[in-house]
Amino acid sequence: MVRIRLSRKGKKGVPFYRIVITDMRKKRNCAPIEEIGTYNPKTKQLILNKEKAEAWIKKGAIPTDTIKALLKK
């Protein structure tokens, strides 16, 4: 199963996330299948390739609850 989720980057106290496509059974920061965007929670900046996200969802990728909330924005 494939999942769309956040992969944490940055240092302690300054989080930065990449929106990635990964195998659901692997750890959060494992090597992704594909990176489709970034999210900075400090500045609320979201950069997302919607075409790729929609294509992966059509292929059966399951977005996490956080990603669903970000996609609504």
Protein backbone atom coordinates (compact mmCIF):
# COMPACT_ATOMS: atom_id res chain seq x y z
CA MET A 1 0.00 0.00 0.00
CA VAL A 2 1.16 3.48 -0.85
CA ARG A 3 0.55 6.49 1.35
CA ILE A 4 0.93 10.26 0.90
CA ARG A 5 2.47 11.66 4.09
CA LEU A 6 4.87 14.16 5.61
CA SER A 7 8.59 13.50 6.00
CA ARG A 8 10.20 15.72 8.64
CA LYS A 9 13.33 17.68 7.84
CA GLY A 10 14.96 20.68 9.53
CA LYS A 11 16.44 20.95 12.97
CA LYS A 12 15.05 20.82 16.48
CA GLY A 13 12.46 23.53 17.04
CA VAL A 14 12.41 24.49 13.36
CA PRO A 15 10.39 21.79 11.57
CA PHE A 16 10.12 21.58 7.81
CA TYR A 17 8.22 18.85 6.01
CA ARG A 18 8.36 17.29 2.58
CA ILE A 19 5.17 15.81 1.17
CA VAL A 20 6.16 12.40 -0.14
CA ILE A 21 4.78 9.17 -1.56
CA THR A 22 6.04 6.20 0.47
CA ASP A 23 5.29 2.60 1.22
CA MET A 24 2.97 2.53 4.21
CA ARG A 25 5.00 -0.14 6.03
CA LYS A 26 8.21 1.91 6.10
CA LYS A 27 9.35 4.54 8.60
CA ARG A 28 8.46 8.23 8.35
CA ASN A 29 11.84 9.41 7.04
CA CYS A 30 12.63 6.49 4.73
CA ALA A 31 13.56 6.97 1.09
CA PRO A 32 10.40 8.16 -0.71
CA ILE A 33 9.04 6.86 -3.99
CA GLU A 34 8.44 10.46 -5.08
CA GLU A 35 8.45 13.93 -3.52
CA ILE A 36 5.44 16.04 -4.51
CA GLY A 37 5.77 19.13 -2.33
CA THR A 38 6.87 20.89 0.84
CA TYR A 39 5.20 22.40 3.90
CA ASN A 40 6.60 24.87 6.42
CA PRO A 41 4.34 25.01 9.51
CA LYS A 42 6.06 28.13 10.90
CA THR A 43 5.17 30.30 7.91
CA LYS A 44 2.21 28.15 6.75
CA GLN A 45 3.84 27.98 3.32
CA LEU A 46 2.59 25.06 1.21
CA ILE A 47 4.09 24.13 -2.14
CA LEU A 48 2.32 21.16 -3.71
CA ASN A 49 2.17 19.66 -7.18
CA LYS A 50 -1.60 19.01 -7.28
CA GLU A 51 -1.47 17.11 -10.57
CA LYS A 52 0.93 14.54 -9.13
CA ALA A 53 -1.07 14.29 -5.89
CA GLU A 54 -4.32 13.67 -7.79
CA ALA A 55 -2.60 11.13 -10.04
CA TRP A 56 -1.29 9.18 -7.05
CA ILE A 57 -4.69 9.26 -5.34
CA LYS A 58 -6.25 7.86 -8.53
CA LYS A 59 -3.62 5.09 -8.47
CA GLY A 60 -4.73 4.18 -4.93
CA ALA A 61 -2.45 6.18 -2.64
CA ILE A 62 -4.04 6.98 0.71
CA PRO A 63 -3.40 10.48 2.12
CA THR A 64 -2.96 10.87 5.87
CA ASP A 65 -5.37 13.07 7.83
CA THR A 66 -2.85 15.93 7.86
CA ILE A 67 -2.39 15.73 4.11
CA LYS A 68 -6.17 15.69 3.59
CA ALA A 69 -6.41 18.94 5.58
CA LEU A 70 -3.59 20.50 3.56
CA LEU A 71 -5.20 19.43 0.27
CA LYS A 72 -8.41 21.22 1.24
CA LYS A 73 -6.46 24.49 1.45
